[in-house]
Amino acid sequence: MILREVGIFEAKTHLSEIIQAVESGQGYYITKRGVKVAELRPVAMEKRPLRRGGAGKSGFWMSPDFNDTPEDFGEYV
């Protein structure tokens, strides 16, 4: 991502437009008298850990014949 430079006064004056650009993926360096003092960029999406094992919790029921082949299965093949 290429970060554009914008002065404090311009950033303050056009903050709404700059935020819209950041939401679209654009990044900015905020400068004070030509010196970079801050960086403004989109926030990275949070990755939630993968949770497995829902069947092990209470309230889950599986028929005892779940793995058995149905009697009429041959009709579908």
Protein backbone atom coordinates (compact mmCIF):
# COMPACT_ATOMS: atom_id res chain seq x y z
CA MET A 1 0.00 0.00 0.00
CA ILE A 2 1.38 3.40 -0.96
CA LEU A 3 0.81 5.98 1.77
CA ARG A 4 0.06 9.53 0.74
CA GLU A 5 1.34 12.46 2.78
CA VAL A 6 -1.08 15.07 4.07
CA GLY A 7 -0.43 18.01 6.37
CA ILE A 8 -2.20 18.43 9.70
CA PHE A 9 -4.27 21.40 8.50
CA GLU A 10 -5.40 19.57 5.35
CA ALA A 11 -6.14 16.41 7.36
CA LYS A 12 -8.23 18.43 9.81
CA THR A 13 -10.05 20.25 7.01
CA HIS A 14 -10.79 17.12 4.94
CA LEU A 15 -11.04 14.48 7.66
CA SER A 16 -14.34 13.00 6.39
CA GLU A 17 -12.95 12.49 2.88
CA ILE A 18 -9.70 11.05 4.24
CA ILE A 19 -11.58 8.57 6.42
CA GLN A 20 -13.64 7.47 3.41
CA ALA A 21 -10.41 6.90 1.46
CA VAL A 22 -8.96 4.90 4.37
CA GLU A 23 -12.09 2.73 4.44
CA SER A 24 -11.41 2.02 0.76
CA GLY A 25 -7.86 0.90 1.52
CA GLN A 26 -5.82 4.11 1.10
CA GLY A 27 -3.25 5.00 3.76
CA TYR A 28 -1.85 8.37 4.85
CA TYR A 29 1.08 9.86 6.67
CA ILE A 30 0.09 12.93 8.64
CA THR A 31 2.88 15.49 8.52
CA LYS A 32 3.75 18.52 10.64
CA ARG A 33 5.94 21.01 8.81
CA GLY A 34 6.95 18.29 6.37
CA VAL A 35 7.92 15.75 9.05
CA LYS A 36 5.88 12.53 9.35
CA VAL A 37 4.25 12.41 12.78
CA ALA A 38 1.44 9.86 12.36
CA GLU A 39 0.23 7.09 10.11
CA LEU A 40 -3.41 6.50 9.20
CA ARG A 41 -4.35 3.20 7.56
CA PRO A 42 -7.21 0.68 7.52
CA VAL A 43 -7.50 -1.59 10.52
CA ALA A 44 -6.64 -5.22 9.79
CA MET A 45 -9.54 -7.64 10.09
CA GLU A 46 -9.53 -9.66 13.31
CA LYS A 47 -9.09 -13.38 12.92
CA ARG A 48 -11.05 -15.37 15.42
CA PRO A 49 -9.64 -18.74 16.44
CA LEU A 50 -11.30 -21.75 14.87
CA ARG A 51 -13.48 -23.54 17.39
CA ARG A 52 -14.10 -27.22 16.93
CA GLY A 53 -15.81 -29.90 18.91
CA GLY A 54 -19.39 -28.66 19.00
CA ALA A 55 -20.64 -32.26 19.14
CA GLY A 56 -18.95 -32.78 22.47
CA LYS A 57 -21.13 -30.21 24.22
CA SER A 58 -24.35 -31.01 25.98
CA GLY A 59 -27.53 -30.98 23.95
CA PHE A 60 -26.02 -32.81 20.98
CA TRP A 61 -27.60 -36.11 20.01
CA MET A 62 -26.72 -38.53 17.22
CA SER A 63 -28.76 -41.60 16.28
CA PRO A 64 -27.06 -44.90 17.19
CA ASP A 65 -27.53 -46.08 13.58
CA PHE A 66 -25.95 -42.94 12.07
CA ASN A 67 -23.17 -44.87 10.28
CA ASP A 68 -25.42 -47.74 9.13
CA THR A 69 -26.26 -47.98 5.43
CA PRO A 70 -30.02 -47.55 4.82
CA GLU A 71 -31.81 -50.68 3.59
CA ASP A 72 -33.11 -48.99 0.44
CA PHE A 73 -29.72 -47.40 -0.46
CA GLY A 74 -29.39 -49.65 -3.51
CA GLU A 75 -32.35 -47.87 -5.13
CA TYR A 76 -30.43 -44.59 -5.15
CA VAL A 77 -27.25 -45.94 -6.73
